[in-house]
Structures are given as structure tokens and as C-alpha cells.
Amino acid sequence: MMVKDATSHAVLEREEHEIYCVRGNAGLAFAGKLSRTIEVRQGDQAERNNNVILSIRDRLEEHPHFRGRASQLQIEVIGDAVVLSGRLPTYYLKQLLQEAVKKIPDVIRIDNRVEVASH
């Protein structure tokens, strides 16, 4: 469950787990819930997203097929997905783009929306 805290601009994630413990022949048992709250500040998440985007842009500028073309591509991070959009002249380049981005640390999922359109 996620709750937004308006005062600190943080997202609080609450996890609840049922715990059951039975011990030996004495019949001692415990049942209860374990809860924990994880706080993720929006600024921290925005900084992580920005770092992922910068890493992707750097990788593309170093890649021989994308040097000079990286500025034509739009890169966003939405949730756990990197969203790629823009235009490339061939399907081969679209696939190379996806393979290059996949190698970046912290990239979990890729939504490749790049259009293939020859000049």
C-alpha cells in the first residue's frame, strides 16, 4: 500500500506480513502481523530517474551507431520502465538501441516506442 505524505513530500510504502511460529512439543505458538513502513522521498526518486537517463544518454553518445543521434531520442523513466521514443531510420537501429539501454545498471524494463521511418 502506498500513501503520500503531504507534509514531507514522501511516498510511504507499508508492507504487512502474517507471521506464524510454532515451537516444539510445548504447544507454544505465536501468530501476528509484522508491519514496516518504507519512506521514499520523491526528490530521491527523481534524482535516481535523472541518473538513469544521464547514463543512457552517455552510453548512446559513446555508441558508434548513436553518436550524434542521441539528441533525436526522448528518454523518460515512468515507474520501473525506461520509455524510449523518437525516430530512427531502421529496425536494426531500434533493436540496437534497446540492447544498449538494457545494459545500463538500474534499467529494469524498457518500453521501446521508437518509430522507424526512413528520411
Protein backbone atom coordinates (compact mmCIF):
# COMPACT_ATOMS: atom_id res chain seq x y z
CA MET A 1 0.00 0.00 0.00
CA MET A 2 1.39 3.42 -0.89
CA VAL A 3 0.45 6.59 0.97
CA LYS A 4 1.58 10.08 0.07
CA ASP A 5 2.65 12.25 2.99
CA ALA A 6 1.76 15.83 2.06
CA THR A 7 3.98 17.45 4.71
CA SER A 8 7.30 15.85 3.74
CA HIS A 9 6.50 15.11 0.07
CA ALA A 10 7.41 11.50 0.67
CA VAL A 11 5.83 8.31 -0.52
CA LEU A 12 5.33 5.86 2.29
CA GLU A 13 5.08 2.20 1.41
CA ARG A 14 3.60 -0.07 4.04
CA GLU A 15 4.14 -3.78 3.97
CA GLU A 16 2.30 -6.22 6.18
CA HIS A 17 3.25 -9.85 6.58
CA GLU A 18 1.48 -12.53 8.58
CA ILE A 19 3.87 -14.46 10.79
CA TYR A 20 3.14 -17.83 12.32
CA CYS A 21 5.60 -19.56 14.60
CA VAL A 22 5.08 -22.94 16.26
CA ARG A 23 7.66 -24.18 18.71
CA GLY A 24 8.30 -27.72 19.91
CA ASN A 25 6.01 -30.05 21.87
CA ALA A 26 5.03 -27.45 24.45
CA GLY A 27 2.43 -26.13 22.06
CA LEU A 28 3.83 -22.62 22.23
CA ALA A 29 2.60 -20.70 19.24
CA PHE A 30 2.75 -17.16 18.01
CA ALA A 31 0.67 -15.59 15.31
CA GLY A 32 0.77 -11.96 14.42
CA LYS A 33 1.47 -9.32 11.83
CA LEU A 34 4.74 -7.67 11.06
CA SER A 35 4.47 -4.22 9.55
CA ARG A 36 7.11 -1.90 8.26
CA THR A 37 7.00 1.44 6.57
CA ILE A 38 9.48 2.37 3.90
CA GLU A 39 9.86 6.03 3.10
CA VAL A 40 10.96 7.03 -0.38
CA ARG A 41 11.38 10.73 -0.85
CA GLN A 42 10.18 11.98 -4.22
CA GLY A 43 13.35 14.00 -4.68
CA ASP A 44 15.44 10.84 -4.24
CA GLN A 45 13.37 9.01 -6.84
CA ALA A 46 13.59 11.93 -9.26
CA GLU A 47 17.37 12.00 -8.79
CA ARG A 48 17.64 8.25 -9.46
CA ASN A 49 15.50 8.62 -12.59
CA ASN A 50 17.64 11.52 -13.79
CA ASN A 51 20.83 9.50 -13.19
CA VAL A 52 19.42 6.61 -15.25
CA ILE A 53 18.56 9.00 -18.11
CA LEU A 54 22.03 10.59 -17.99
CA SER A 55 23.67 7.13 -18.00
CA ILE A 56 21.63 6.15 -21.05
CA ARG A 57 22.49 9.39 -22.89
CA ASP A 58 26.19 8.92 -22.10
CA ARG A 59 26.11 5.32 -23.33
CA LEU A 60 24.37 6.35 -26.55
CA GLU A 61 26.83 9.18 -27.24
CA GLU A 62 29.69 6.68 -26.89
CA HIS A 63 27.97 4.08 -29.10
CA PRO A 64 29.20 4.25 -32.74
CA HIS A 65 25.67 3.85 -34.16
CA PHE A 66 24.07 6.55 -31.99
CA ARG A 67 26.81 9.18 -31.71
CA GLY A 68 25.14 12.35 -32.94
CA ARG A 69 21.65 10.75 -32.97
CA ALA A 70 21.06 10.54 -29.22
CA SER A 71 19.60 14.05 -29.13
CA GLN A 72 16.85 12.90 -31.53
CA LEU A 73 15.61 10.36 -28.98
CA GLN A 74 13.42 11.06 -25.98
CA ILE A 75 14.11 9.11 -22.80
CA GLU A 76 11.80 9.04 -19.79
CA VAL A 77 11.57 6.91 -16.68
CA ILE A 78 7.99 6.07 -15.72
CA GLY A 79 7.71 3.79 -12.72
CA ASP A 80 10.19 0.99 -13.27
CA ALA A 81 10.24 1.39 -17.06
CA VAL A 82 12.55 3.36 -19.32
CA VAL A 83 10.41 4.74 -22.15
CA LEU A 84 12.24 5.37 -25.41
CA SER A 85 10.64 7.42 -28.17
CA GLY A 86 11.65 9.30 -31.28
CA ARG A 87 12.58 8.18 -34.80
CA LEU A 88 15.31 6.02 -36.25
CA PRO A 89 15.80 5.09 -39.91
CA THR A 90 15.94 1.28 -39.47
CA TYR A 91 14.58 -1.54 -37.32
CA TYR A 92 18.16 -2.64 -36.81
CA LEU A 93 18.97 0.64 -35.03
CA LYS A 94 15.80 0.37 -32.96
CA GLN A 95 16.91 -3.07 -31.77
CA LEU A 96 20.50 -1.90 -31.16
CA LEU A 97 19.11 0.96 -29.07
CA GLN A 98 17.16 -1.43 -26.88
CA GLU A 99 20.19 -3.71 -26.44
CA ALA A 100 22.41 -0.75 -25.48
CA VAL A 101 19.90 0.56 -22.94
CA LYS A 102 19.33 -2.89 -21.44
CA LYS A 103 22.98 -2.96 -20.30
CA ILE A 104 22.63 0.16 -18.13
CA PRO A 105 22.53 -0.53 -14.37
CA ASP A 106 19.14 0.17 -12.76
CA VAL A 107 17.22 -0.38 -16.02
CA ILE A 108 14.53 -2.90 -15.14
CA ARG A 109 12.10 -2.66 -18.05
CA ILE A 110 12.21 -0.99 -21.46
CA ASP A 111 9.21 0.36 -23.36
CA ASN A 112 10.61 0.94 -26.85
CA ARG A 113 8.22 3.32 -28.63
CA VAL A 114 10.76 4.44 -31.23
CA GLU A 115 9.26 4.76 -34.70
CA VAL A 116 11.09 3.51 -37.75
CA ALA A 117 10.83 5.99 -40.59
CA SER A 118 13.25 6.49 -43.43
CA HIS A 119 14.03 10.04 -44.45
